[in-house]
Amino acid sequence: MPDRLLRVNAYTTMDMASVTTLKRRADGTDGDHSAADVESFGVVNVTAGRRDPDEIRLEVEADHTETGLRAHAERVHLDPDEAEELAAELERQAGRVRAATEETDDE
C-alpha cells in the first residue's frame, strides 16, 4: 500500500474501497482528449472536527501507484444540510442497486 496523505486508522470510514480515477489522455496530435478509467483501491473517510465541529469532510484518496498519478486526495466540505442530502441520495441509490441485484438473483 502506498504512503497515504489521509490518515488511516481504526476510525477511518472505509480503509479499502474500490476507487475509479478518470485520467485524461490525448488522442493524437490535434489536441483531442478522452478520459480513461483507472481502477485501484483507496480510502474513503467521513469526519468532522473533534471540538466545535463546523463542517463535515468527505475525503477520498486513490492509491497513486495504481493510477500513475502523483499522490493526491480530495476533500469535500459539507454543511449539515448538504451532508444529509448526500446521505439521503446515497441511500436512494443503494436501494435501487439492491433492488436490481435482488431481482437478478431471483431470476
PDB file of N, CA and C in Angstrom:
ATOM      1  N   MET A   1       0.848  -1.173   0.000  1.00  0.00           N
ATOM      2  CA  MET A   1       0.000   0.000   0.000  1.00  0.00           C
ATOM      3  C   MET A   1       0.890   1.231   0.000  1.00  0.00           C
ATOM      4  N   PRO A   2       0.531   2.221  -0.816  1.00  0.00           N
ATOM      5  CA  PRO A   2       1.366   3.427  -0.889  1.00  0.00           C
ATOM      6  C   PRO A   2       1.246   4.269   0.367  1.00  0.00           C
ATOM      7  N   ASP A   3       2.206   5.178   0.523  1.00  0.00           N
ATOM      8  CA  ASP A   3       2.097   6.149   1.609  1.00  0.00           C
ATOM      9  C   ASP A   3       0.833   6.967   1.388  1.00  0.00           C
ATOM     10  N   ARG A   4       0.121   7.216   2.448  1.00  0.00           N
ATOM     11  CA  ARG A   4      -1.153   7.925   2.358  1.00  0.00           C
ATOM     12  C   ARG A   4      -1.005   9.390   2.756  1.00  0.00           C
ATOM     13  N   LEU A   5      -1.771  10.232   2.091  1.00  0.00           N
ATOM     14  CA  LEU A   5      -1.907  11.619   2.517  1.00  0.00           C
ATOM     15  C   LEU A   5      -2.954  11.710   3.617  1.00  0.00           C
ATOM     16  N   LEU A   6      -4.005  10.887   3.504  1.00  0.00           N
ATOM     17  CA  LEU A   6      -5.047  10.849   4.524  1.00  0.00           C
ATOM     18  C   LEU A   6      -4.648   9.887   5.629  1.00  0.00           C
ATOM     19  N   ARG A   7      -5.023  10.211   6.825  1.00  0.00           N
ATOM     20  CA  ARG A   7      -4.752   9.332   7.965  1.00  0.00           C
ATOM     21  C   ARG A   7      -5.678   8.119   7.885  1.00  0.00           C
ATOM     22  N   VAL A   8      -5.113   6.942   8.011  1.00  0.00           N
ATOM     23  CA  VAL A   8      -5.892   5.702   8.017  1.00  0.00           C
ATOM     24  C   VAL A   8      -5.665   5.033   9.360  1.00  0.00           C
ATOM     25  N   ASN A   9      -6.770   4.830  10.091  1.00  0.00           N
ATOM     26  CA  ASN A   9      -6.676   4.169  11.383  1.00  0.00           C
ATOM     27  C   ASN A   9      -7.982   3.421  11.653  1.00  0.00           C
ATOM     28  N   ALA A  10      -8.184   2.999  12.857  1.00  0.00           N
ATOM     29  CA  ALA A  10      -9.377   2.213  13.199  1.00  0.00           C
ATOM     30  C   ALA A  10     -10.666   3.007  13.023  1.00  0.00           C
ATOM     31  N   TYR A  11     -10.590   4.327  12.955  1.00  0.00           N
ATOM     32  CA  TYR A  11     -11.784   5.162  12.833  1.00  0.00           C
ATOM     33  C   TYR A  11     -12.088   5.557  11.389  1.00  0.00           C
ATOM     34  N   THR A  12     -11.235   5.191  10.446  1.00  0.00           N
ATOM     35  CA  THR A  12     -11.454   5.529   9.047  1.00  0.00           C
ATOM     36  C   THR A  12     -12.721   4.839   8.548  1.00  0.00           C
ATOM     37  N   THR A  13     -13.568   5.578   7.848  1.00  0.00           N
ATOM     38  CA  THR A  13     -14.857   5.051   7.406  1.00  0.00           C
ATOM     39  C   THR A  13     -14.690   3.826   6.528  1.00  0.00           C
ATOM     40  N   MET A  14     -13.913   3.921   5.464  1.00  0.00           N
ATOM     41  CA  MET A  14     -13.656   2.791   4.561  1.00  0.00           C
ATOM     42  C   MET A  14     -12.170   2.821   4.206  1.00  0.00           C
ATOM     43  N   ASP A  15     -11.414   1.915   4.766  1.00  0.00           N
ATOM     44  CA  ASP A  15      -9.969   1.938   4.515  1.00  0.00           C
ATOM     45  C   ASP A  15      -9.569   1.094   3.309  1.00  0.00           C
ATOM     46  N   MET A  16     -10.532   0.422   2.669  1.00  0.00           N
ATOM     47  CA  MET A  16     -10.229  -0.359   1.463  1.00  0.00           C
ATOM     48  C   MET A  16     -11.451  -0.292   0.557  1.00  0.00           C
ATOM     49  N   ALA A  17     -11.550   0.784  -0.205  1.00  0.00           N
ATOM     50  CA  ALA A  17     -12.669   0.986  -1.120  1.00  0.00           C
ATOM     51  C   ALA A  17     -12.181   0.850  -2.553  1.00  0.00           C
ATOM     52  N   SER A  18     -13.078   0.420  -3.426  1.00  0.00           N
ATOM     53  CA  SER A  18     -12.772   0.381  -4.850  1.00  0.00           C
ATOM     54  C   SER A  18     -12.929   1.797  -5.389  1.00  0.00           C
ATOM     55  N   VAL A  19     -11.880   2.325  -6.007  1.00  0.00           N
ATOM     56  CA  VAL A  19     -11.877   3.705  -6.489  1.00  0.00           C
ATOM     57  C   VAL A  19     -11.574   3.702  -7.982  1.00  0.00           C
ATOM     58  N   THR A  20     -12.335   4.466  -8.732  1.00  0.00           N
ATOM     59  CA  THR A  20     -12.060   4.657 -10.153  1.00  0.00           C
ATOM     60  C   THR A  20     -11.609   6.085 -10.359  1.00  0.00           C
ATOM     61  N   THR A  21     -10.433   6.255 -10.928  1.00  0.00           N
ATOM     62  CA  THR A  21      -9.909   7.577 -11.241  1.00  0.00           C
ATOM     63  C   THR A  21     -10.068   7.804 -12.733  1.00  0.00           C
ATOM     64  N   LEU A  22     -10.628   8.933 -13.093  1.00  0.00           N
ATOM     65  CA  LEU A  22     -10.709   9.296 -14.504  1.00  0.00           C
ATOM     66  C   LEU A  22      -9.427  10.028 -14.855  1.00  0.00           C
ATOM     67  N   LYS A  23      -8.741   9.526 -15.853  1.00  0.00           N
ATOM     68  CA  LYS A  23      -7.447  10.080 -16.236  1.00  0.00           C
ATOM     69  C   LYS A  23      -7.554  10.593 -17.671  1.00  0.00           C
ATOM     70  N   ARG A  24      -7.226  11.852 -17.877  1.00  0.00           N
ATOM     71  CA  ARG A  24      -7.301  12.429 -19.212  1.00  0.00           C
ATOM     72  C   ARG A  24      -6.107  11.977 -20.034  1.00  0.00           C
ATOM     73  N   ARG A  25      -6.379  11.678 -21.288  1.00  0.00           N
ATOM     74  CA  ARG A  25      -5.287  11.312 -22.187  1.00  0.00           C
ATOM     75  C   ARG A  25      -5.534  11.956 -23.542  1.00  0.00           C
ATOM     76  N   ALA A  26      -4.460  12.266 -24.241  1.00  0.00           N
ATOM     77  CA  ALA A  26      -4.558  12.863 -25.567  1.00  0.00           C
ATOM     78  C   ALA A  26      -4.702  11.758 -26.591  1.00  0.00           C
ATOM     79  N   ASP A  27      -5.572  11.979 -27.564  1.00  0.00           N
ATOM     80  CA  ASP A  27      -5.758  11.031 -28.664  1.00  0.00           C
ATOM     81  C   ASP A  27      -5.273  11.690 -29.951  1.00  0.00           C
ATOM     82  N   GLY A  28      -4.014  11.516 -30.276  1.00  0.00           N
ATOM     83  CA  GLY A  28      -3.478  12.112 -31.487  1.00  0.00           C
ATOM     84  C   GLY A  28      -2.840  13.461 -31.241  1.00  0.00           C
ATOM     85  N   THR A  29      -2.533  14.152 -32.322  1.00  0.00           N
ATOM     86  CA  THR A  29      -1.792  15.409 -32.225  1.00  0.00           C
ATOM     87  C   THR A  29      -2.676  16.637 -32.332  1.00  0.00           C
ATOM     88  N   ASP A  30      -3.980  16.461 -32.594  1.00  0.00           N
ATOM     89  CA  ASP A  30      -4.841  17.623 -32.776  1.00  0.00           C
ATOM     90  C   ASP A  30      -5.458  18.127 -31.478  1.00  0.00           C
ATOM     91  N   GLY A  31      -5.004  17.606 -30.351  1.00  0.00           N
ATOM     92  CA  GLY A  31      -5.470  18.096 -29.065  1.00  0.00           C
ATOM     93  C   GLY A  31      -6.744  17.448 -28.551  1.00  0.00           C
ATOM     94  N   ASP A  32      -7.250  16.419 -29.261  1.00  0.00           N
ATOM     95  CA  ASP A  32      -8.430  15.720 -28.755  1.00  0.00           C
ATOM     96  C   ASP A  32      -8.071  14.979 -27.479  1.00  0.00           C
ATOM     97  N   HIS A  33      -8.989  15.018 -26.534  1.00  0.00           N
ATOM     98  CA  HIS A  33      -8.761  14.348 -25.261  1.00  0.00           C
ATOM     99  C   HIS A  33      -9.914  13.411 -24.967  1.00  0.00           C
ATOM    100  N   SER A  34      -9.621  12.377 -24.248  1.00  0.00           N
ATOM    101  CA  SER A  34     -10.662  11.489 -23.747  1.00  0.00           C
ATOM    102  C   SER A  34     -10.289  11.115 -22.327  1.00  0.00           C
ATOM    103  N   ALA A  35     -11.219  10.488 -21.636  1.00  0.00           N
ATOM    104  CA  ALA A  35     -10.966  10.068 -20.263  1.00  0.00           C
ATOM    105  C   ALA A  35     -10.914   8.548 -20.224  1.00  0.00           C
ATOM    106  N   ALA A  36      -9.985   8.039 -19.441  1.00  0.00           N
ATOM    107  CA  ALA A  36      -9.859   6.599 -19.261  1.00  0.00           C
ATOM    108  C   ALA A  36     -10.027   6.276 -17.784  1.00  0.00           C
ATOM    109  N   ASP A  37     -10.776   5.218 -17.504  1.00  0.00           N
ATOM    110  CA  ASP A  37     -10.946   4.766 -16.132  1.00  0.00           C
ATOM    111  C   ASP A  37      -9.718   3.990 -15.691  1.00  0.00           C
ATOM    112  N   VAL A  38      -9.212   4.302 -14.505  1.00  0.00           N
ATOM    113  CA  VAL A  38      -8.115   3.556 -13.906  1.00  0.00           C
ATOM    114  C   VAL A  38      -8.620   3.027 -12.565  1.00  0.00           C
ATOM    115  N   GLU A  39      -8.716   1.723 -12.442  1.00  0.00           N
ATOM    116  CA  GLU A  39      -9.236   1.089 -11.233  1.00  0.00           C
ATOM    117  C   GLU A  39      -8.120   0.906 -10.212  1.00  0.00           C
ATOM    118  N   SER A  40      -8.427   1.183  -8.957  1.00  0.00           N
ATOM    119  CA  SER A  40      -7.472   0.954  -7.877  1.00  0.00           C
ATOM    120  C   SER A  40      -8.243   0.849  -6.571  1.00  0.00           C
ATOM    121  N   PHE A  41      -7.525   0.654  -5.506  1.00  0.00           N
ATOM    122  CA  PHE A  41      -8.124   0.695  -4.177  1.00  0.00           C
ATOM    123  C   PHE A  41      -7.812   2.045  -3.571  1.00  0.00           C
ATOM    124  N   GLY A  42      -8.507   2.378  -2.529  1.00  0.00           N
ATOM    125  CA  GLY A  42      -8.250   3.654  -1.894  1.00  0.00           C
ATOM    126  C   GLY A  42      -8.986   3.771  -0.575  1.00  0.00           C
ATOM    127  N   VAL A  43      -9.033   4.989  -0.078  1.00  0.00           N
ATOM    128  CA  VAL A  43      -9.619   5.306   1.221  1.00  0.00           C
ATOM    129  C   VAL A  43     -10.765   6.283   1.016  1.00  0.00           C
ATOM    130  N   VAL A  44     -11.868   6.044   1.724  1.00  0.00           N
ATOM    131  CA  VAL A  44     -12.974   6.998   1.779  1.00  0.00           C
ATOM    132  C   VAL A  44     -13.248   7.253   3.254  1.00  0.00           C
ATOM    133  N   ASN A  45     -13.293   8.513   3.627  1.00  0.00           N
ATOM    134  CA  ASN A  45     -13.491   8.840   5.036  1.00  0.00           C
ATOM    135  C   ASN A  45     -14.481   9.997   5.173  1.00  0.00           C
ATOM    136  N   VAL A  46     -15.296   9.912   6.210  1.00  0.00           N
ATOM    137  CA  VAL A  46     -16.203  10.995   6.575  1.00  0.00           C
ATOM    138  C   VAL A  46     -15.854  11.395   7.994  1.00  0.00           C
ATOM    139  N   THR A  47     -15.639  12.693   8.206  1.00  0.00           N
ATOM    140  CA  THR A  47     -15.213  13.137   9.520  1.00  0.00           C
ATOM    141  C   THR A  47     -15.666  14.575   9.782  1.00  0.00           C
ATOM    142  N   ALA A  48     -15.580  14.971  11.018  1.00  0.00           N
ATOM    143  CA  ALA A  48     -15.816  16.350  11.440  1.00  0.00           C
ATOM    144  C   ALA A  48     -14.845  16.632  12.576  1.00  0.00           C
ATOM    145  N   GLY A  49     -14.596  17.886  12.845  1.00  0.00           N
ATOM    146  CA  GLY A  49     -13.676  18.250  13.917  1.00  0.00           C
ATOM    147  C   GLY A  49     -14.121  17.706  15.267  1.00  0.00           C
ATOM    148  N   ARG A  50     -13.165  17.403  16.124  1.00  0.00           N
ATOM    149  CA  ARG A  50     -13.494  16.870  17.455  1.00  0.00           C
ATOM    150  C   ARG A  50     -14.157  17.909  18.337  1.00  0.00           C
ATOM    151  N   ARG A  51     -13.604  19.106  18.343  1.00  0.00           N
ATOM    152  CA  ARG A  51     -14.133  20.187  19.183  1.00  0.00           C
ATOM    153  C   ARG A  51     -14.794  21.230  18.296  1.00  0.00           C
ATOM    154  N   ASP A  52     -15.978  21.620  18.646  1.00  0.00           N
ATOM    155  CA  ASP A  52     -16.719  22.642  17.908  1.00  0.00           C
ATOM    156  C   ASP A  52     -16.727  22.385  16.399  1.00  0.00           C
ATOM    157  N   PRO A  53     -17.203  21.218  15.967  1.00  0.00           N
ATOM    158  CA  PRO A  53     -17.202  20.937  14.526  1.00  0.00           C
ATOM    159  C   PRO A  53     -18.114  21.911  13.785  1.00  0.00           C
ATOM    160  N   ASP A  54     -17.636  22.438  12.666  1.00  0.00           N
ATOM    161  CA  ASP A  54     -18.430  23.384  11.892  1.00  0.00           C
ATOM    162  C   ASP A  54     -18.698  22.903  10.471  1.00  0.00           C
ATOM    163  N   GLU A  55     -18.183  21.734  10.121  1.00  0.00           N
ATOM    164  CA  GLU A  55     -18.411  21.177   8.799  1.00  0.00           C
ATOM    165  C   GLU A  55     -18.154  19.670   8.831  1.00  0.00           C
ATOM    166  N   ILE A  56     -18.660  18.989   7.824  1.00  0.00           N
ATOM    167  CA  ILE A  56     -18.404  17.566   7.622  1.00  0.00           C
ATOM    168  C   ILE A  56     -17.459  17.471   6.438  1.00  0.00           C
ATOM    169  N   ARG A  57     -16.444  16.631   6.554  1.00  0.00           N
ATOM    170  CA  ARG A  57     -15.488  16.444   5.462  1.00  0.00           C
ATOM    171  C   ARG A  57     -15.631  15.042   4.890  1.00  0.00           C
ATOM    172  N   LEU A  58     -15.803  14.980   3.578  1.00  0.00           N
ATOM    173  CA  LEU A  58     -15.784  13.727   2.836  1.00  0.00           C
ATOM    174  C   LEU A  58     -14.440  13.686   2.123  1.00  0.00           C
ATOM    175  N   GLU A  59     -13.630  12.678   2.424  1.00  0.00           N
ATOM    176  CA  GLU A  59     -12.267  12.595   1.882  1.00  0.00           C
ATOM    177  C   GLU A  59     -12.119  11.319   1.060  1.00  0.00           C
ATOM    178  N   VAL A  60     -11.459  11.438  -0.091  1.00  0.00           N
ATOM    179  CA  VAL A  60     -11.218  10.286  -0.964  1.00  0.00           C
ATOM    180  C   VAL A  60      -9.775  10.344  -1.436  1.00  0.00           C
ATOM    181  N   GLU A  61      -9.091   9.206  -1.334  1.00  0.00           N
ATOM    182  CA  GLU A  61      -7.716   9.099  -1.833  1.00  0.00           C
ATOM    183  C   GLU A  61      -7.550   7.754  -2.518  1.00  0.00           C
ATOM    184  N   ALA A  62      -7.211   7.778  -3.794  1.00  0.00           N
ATOM    185  CA  ALA A  62      -6.928   6.557  -4.547  1.00  0.00           C
ATOM    186  C   ALA A  62      -5.454   6.207  -4.405  1.00  0.00           C
ATOM    187  N   ASP A  63      -5.136   4.926  -4.490  1.00  0.00           N
ATOM    188  CA  ASP A  63      -3.739   4.503  -4.471  1.00  0.00           C
ATOM    189  C   ASP A  63      -3.049   5.052  -5.713  1.00  0.00           C
ATOM    190  N   HIS A  64      -2.136   5.969  -5.517  1.00  0.00           N
ATOM    191  CA  HIS A  64      -1.497   6.626  -6.652  1.00  0.00           C
ATOM    192  C   HIS A  64      -0.564   5.699  -7.416  1.00  0.00           C
ATOM    193  N   THR A  65      -0.079   4.632  -6.801  1.00  0.00           N
ATOM    194  CA  THR A  65       0.802   3.718  -7.526  1.00  0.00           C
ATOM    195  C   THR A  65       0.049   2.992  -8.634  1.00  0.00           C
ATOM    196  N   GLU A  66      -1.254   2.794  -8.449  1.00  0.00           N
ATOM    197  CA  GLU A  66      -2.072   2.126  -9.459  1.00  0.00           C
ATOM    198  C   GLU A  66      -2.520   3.075 -10.565  1.00  0.00           C
ATOM    199  N   THR A  67      -2.724   4.338 -10.230  1.00  0.00           N
ATOM    200  CA  THR A  67      -3.265   5.293 -11.198  1.00  0.00           C
ATOM    201  C   THR A  67      -2.182   5.957 -12.043  1.00  0.00           C
ATOM    202  N   GLY A  68      -0.953   5.914 -11.579  1.00  0.00           N
ATOM    203  CA  GLY A  68       0.120   6.588 -12.297  1.00  0.00           C
ATOM    204  C   GLY A  68       0.126   8.094 -12.080  1.00  0.00           C
ATOM    205  N   LEU A  69      -0.685   8.578 -11.157  1.00  0.00           N
ATOM    206  CA  LEU A  69      -0.735   9.997 -10.845  1.00  0.00           C
ATOM    207  C   LEU A  69       0.069  10.277  -9.583  1.00  0.00           C
ATOM    208  N   ARG A  70       0.395  11.527  -9.359  1.00  0.00           N
ATOM    209  CA  ARG A  70       1.021  11.897  -8.094  1.00  0.00           C
ATOM    210  C   ARG A  70       0.042  11.646  -6.961  1.00  0.00           C
ATOM    211  N   ALA A  71       0.578  11.431  -5.782  1.00  0.00           N
ATOM    212  CA  ALA A  71      -0.282  11.247  -4.613  1.00  0.00           C
ATOM    213  C   ALA A  71      -1.187  12.463  -4.454  1.00  0.00           C
ATOM    214  N   HIS A  72      -2.471  12.206  -4.328  1.00  0.00           N
ATOM    215  CA  HIS A  72      -3.413  13.297  -4.126  1.00  0.00           C
ATOM    216  C   HIS A  72      -4.662  12.770  -3.429  1.00  0.00           C
ATOM    217  N   ALA A  73      -5.327  13.641  -2.740  1.00  0.00           N
ATOM    218  CA  ALA A  73      -6.580  13.315  -2.069  1.00  0.00           C
ATOM    219  C   ALA A  73      -7.538  14.462  -2.309  1.00  0.00           C
ATOM    220  N   GLU A  74      -8.808  14.152  -2.281  1.00  0.00           N
ATOM    221  CA  GLU A  74      -9.841  15.165  -2.456  1.00  0.00           C
ATOM    222  C   GLU A  74     -10.623  15.295  -1.158  1.00  0.00           C
ATOM    223  N   ARG A  75     -10.969  16.526  -0.801  1.00  0.00           N
ATOM    224  CA  ARG A  75     -11.821  16.792   0.359  1.00  0.00           C
ATOM    225  C   ARG A  75     -13.010  17.611  -0.099  1.00  0.00           C
ATOM    226  N   VAL A  76     -14.193  17.161   0.282  1.00  0.00           N
ATOM    227  CA  VAL A  76     -15.417  17.905   0.026  1.00  0.00           C
ATOM    228  C   VAL A  76     -15.904  18.412   1.376  1.00  0.00           C
ATOM    229  N   HIS A  77     -16.105  19.717   1.484  1.00  0.00           N
ATOM    230  CA  HIS A  77     -16.547  20.332   2.733  1.00  0.00           C
ATOM    231  C   HIS A  77     -18.056  20.531   2.652  1.00  0.00           C
ATOM    232  N   LEU A  78     -18.782  19.940   3.595  1.00  0.00           N
ATOM    233  CA  LEU A  78     -20.241  19.965   3.583  1.00  0.00           C
ATOM    234  C   LEU A  78     -20.788  20.568   4.864  1.00  0.00           C
ATOM    235  N   ASP A  79     -21.881  21.324   4.740  1.00  0.00           N
ATOM    236  CA  ASP A  79     -22.588  21.741   5.950  1.00  0.00           C
ATOM    237  C   ASP A  79     -23.567  20.612   6.304  1.00  0.00           C
ATOM    238  N   PRO A  80     -24.191  20.650   7.460  1.00  0.00           N
ATOM    239  CA  PRO A  80     -25.072  19.549   7.863  1.00  0.00           C
ATOM    240  C   PRO A  80     -26.184  19.258   6.855  1.00  0.00           C
ATOM    241  N   ASP A  81     -26.799  20.291   6.255  1.00  0.00           N
ATOM    242  CA  ASP A  81     -27.857  20.057   5.277  1.00  0.00           C
ATOM    243  C   ASP A  81     -27.326  19.339   4.039  1.00  0.00           C
ATOM    244  N   GLU A  82     -26.161  19.748   3.568  1.00  0.00           N
ATOM    245  CA  GLU A  82     -25.560  19.091   2.399  1.00  0.00           C
ATOM    246  C   GLU A  82     -25.195  17.647   2.714  1.00  0.00           C
ATOM    247  N   ALA A  83     -24.665  17.410   3.907  1.00  0.00           N
ATOM    248  CA  ALA A  83     -24.311  16.041   4.295  1.00  0.00           C
ATOM    249  C   ALA A  83     -25.550  15.158   4.361  1.00  0.00           C
ATOM    250  N   GLU A  84     -26.635  15.680   4.898  1.00  0.00           N
ATOM    251  CA  GLU A  84     -27.879  14.903   4.966  1.00  0.00           C
ATOM    252  C   GLU A  84     -28.452  14.654   3.580  1.00  0.00           C
ATOM    253  N   GLU A  85     -28.347  15.640   2.689  1.00  0.00           N
ATOM    254  CA  GLU A  85     -28.808  15.457   1.313  1.00  0.00           C
ATOM    255  C   GLU A  85     -27.984  14.373   0.609  1.00  0.00           C
ATOM    256  N   LEU A  86     -26.670  14.409   0.802  1.00  0.00           N
ATOM    257  CA  LEU A  86     -25.797  13.386   0.225  1.00  0.00           C
ATOM    258  C   LEU A  86     -26.125  12.011   0.792  1.00  0.00           C
ATOM    259  N   ALA A  87     -26.312  11.925   2.101  1.00  0.00           N
ATOM    260  CA  ALA A  87     -26.645  10.638   2.739  1.00  0.00           C
ATOM    261  C   ALA A  87     -27.960  10.089   2.196  1.00  0.00           C
ATOM    262  N   ALA A  88     -28.958  10.947   2.034  1.00  0.00           N
ATOM    263  CA  ALA A  88     -30.252  10.503   1.500  1.00  0.00           C
ATOM    264  C   ALA A  88     -30.105   9.997   0.073  1.00  0.00           C
ATOM    265  N   GLU A  89     -29.309  10.686  -0.733  1.00  0.00           N
ATOM    266  CA  GLU A  89     -29.109  10.247  -2.119  1.00  0.00           C
ATOM    267  C   GLU A  89     -28.328   8.938  -2.176  1.00  0.00           C
ATOM    268  N   LEU A  90     -27.338   8.778  -1.312  1.00  0.00           N
ATOM    269  CA  LEU A  90     -26.614   7.506  -1.236  1.00  0.00           C
ATOM    270  C   LEU A  90     -27.562   6.366  -0.877  1.00  0.00           C
ATOM    271  N   GLU A  91     -28.437   6.592   0.088  1.00  0.00           N
ATOM    272  CA  GLU A  91     -29.400   5.564   0.471  1.00  0.00           C
ATOM    273  C   GLU A  91     -30.367   5.253  -0.665  1.00  0.00           C
ATOM    274  N   ARG A  92     -30.824   6.286  -1.381  1.00  0.00           N
ATOM    275  CA  ARG A  92     -31.739   6.073  -2.507  1.00  0.00           C
ATOM    276  C   ARG A  92     -31.073   5.238  -3.600  1.00  0.00           C
ATOM    277  N   GLN A  93     -29.857   5.594  -3.947  1.00  0.00           N
ATOM    278  CA  GLN A  93     -29.145   4.852  -4.988  1.00  0.00           C
ATOM    279  C   GLN A  93     -28.814   3.431  -4.530  1.00  0.00           C
ATOM    280  N   ALA A  94     -28.467   3.278  -3.252  1.00  0.00           N
ATOM    281  CA  ALA A  94     -28.204   1.939  -2.711  1.00  0.00           C
ATOM    282  C   ALA A  94     -29.449   1.073  -2.822  1.00  0.00           C
ATOM    283  N   GLY A  95     -30.611   1.644  -2.546  1.00  0.00           N
ATOM    284  CA  GLY A  95     -31.867   0.907  -2.670  1.00  0.00           C
ATOM    285  C   GLY A  95     -32.131   0.468  -4.099  1.00  0.00           C
ATOM    286  N   ARG A  96     -31.867   1.342  -5.060  1.00  0.00           N
ATOM    287  CA  ARG A  96     -32.043   0.993  -6.477  1.00  0.00           C
ATOM    288  C   ARG A  96     -31.136  -0.161  -6.876  1.00  0.00           C
ATOM    289  N   VAL A  97     -29.862  -0.070  -6.481  1.00  0.00           N
ATOM    290  CA  VAL A  97     -28.904  -1.115  -6.841  1.00  0.00           C
ATOM    291  C   VAL A  97     -29.260  -2.423  -6.144  1.00  0.00           C
ATOM    292  N   ARG A  98     -29.620  -2.345  -4.871  1.00  0.00           N
ATOM    293  CA  ARG A  98     -30.002  -3.544  -4.126  1.00  0.00           C
ATOM    294  C   ARG A  98     -31.215  -4.212  -4.765  1.00  0.00           C
ATOM    295  N   ALA A  99     -32.219  -3.429  -5.131  1.00  0.00           N
ATOM    296  CA  ALA A  99     -33.422  -3.981  -5.762  1.00  0.00           C
ATOM    297  C   ALA A  99     -33.087  -4.643  -7.097  1.00  0.00           C
ATOM    298  N   ALA A 100     -32.239  -4.004  -7.882  1.00  0.00           N
ATOM    299  CA  ALA A 100     -31.855  -4.581  -9.173  1.00  0.00           C
ATOM    300  C   ALA A 100     -31.048  -5.857  -8.983  1.00  0.00           C
ATOM    301  N   THR A 101     -30.187  -5.866  -7.988  1.00  0.00           N
ATOM    302  CA  THR A 101     -29.368  -7.054  -7.708  1.00  0.00           C
ATOM    303  C   THR A 101     -30.239  -8.201  -7.222  1.00  0.00           C
ATOM    304  N   GLU A 102     -31.190  -7.910  -6.333  1.00  0.00           N
ATOM    305  CA  GLU A 102     -32.073  -8.963  -5.830  1.00  0.00           C
ATOM    306  C   GLU A 102     -32.978  -9.479  -6.929  1.00  0.00           C
ATOM    307  N   GLU A 103     -33.395  -8.597  -7.851  1.00  0.00           N
ATOM    308  CA  GLU A 103     -34.223  -9.006  -8.976  1.00  0.00           C
ATOM    309  C   GLU A 103     -33.450  -9.951  -9.875  1.00  0.00           C
ATOM    310  N   THR A 104     -32.188  -9.656 -10.113  1.00  0.00           N
ATOM    311  CA  THR A 104     -31.328 -10.512 -10.935  1.00  0.00           C
ATOM    312  C   THR A 104     -31.096 -11.844 -10.257  1.00  0.00           C
ATOM    313  N   ASP A 105     -30.911 -11.828  -8.930  1.00  0.00           N
ATOM    314  CA  ASP A 105     -30.690 -13.062  -8.180  1.00  0.00           C
ATOM    315  C   ASP A 105     -31.905 -13.979  -8.211  1.00  0.00           C
ATOM    316  N   ASP A 106     -33.113 -13.399  -8.263  1.00  0.00           N
ATOM    317  CA  ASP A 106     -34.339 -14.167  -8.260  1.00  0.00           C
ATOM    318  C   ASP A 106     -34.598 -14.844  -9.603  1.00  0.00           C
ATOM    319  N   GLU A 107     -33.978 -14.351 -10.661  1.00  0.00           N
ATOM    320  CA  GLU A 107     -34.232 -14.914 -11.993  1.00  0.00           C
ATOM    321  C   GLU A 107     -33.491 -16.191 -12.231  1.00  0.00           C
TER     322      GLU A 107
END
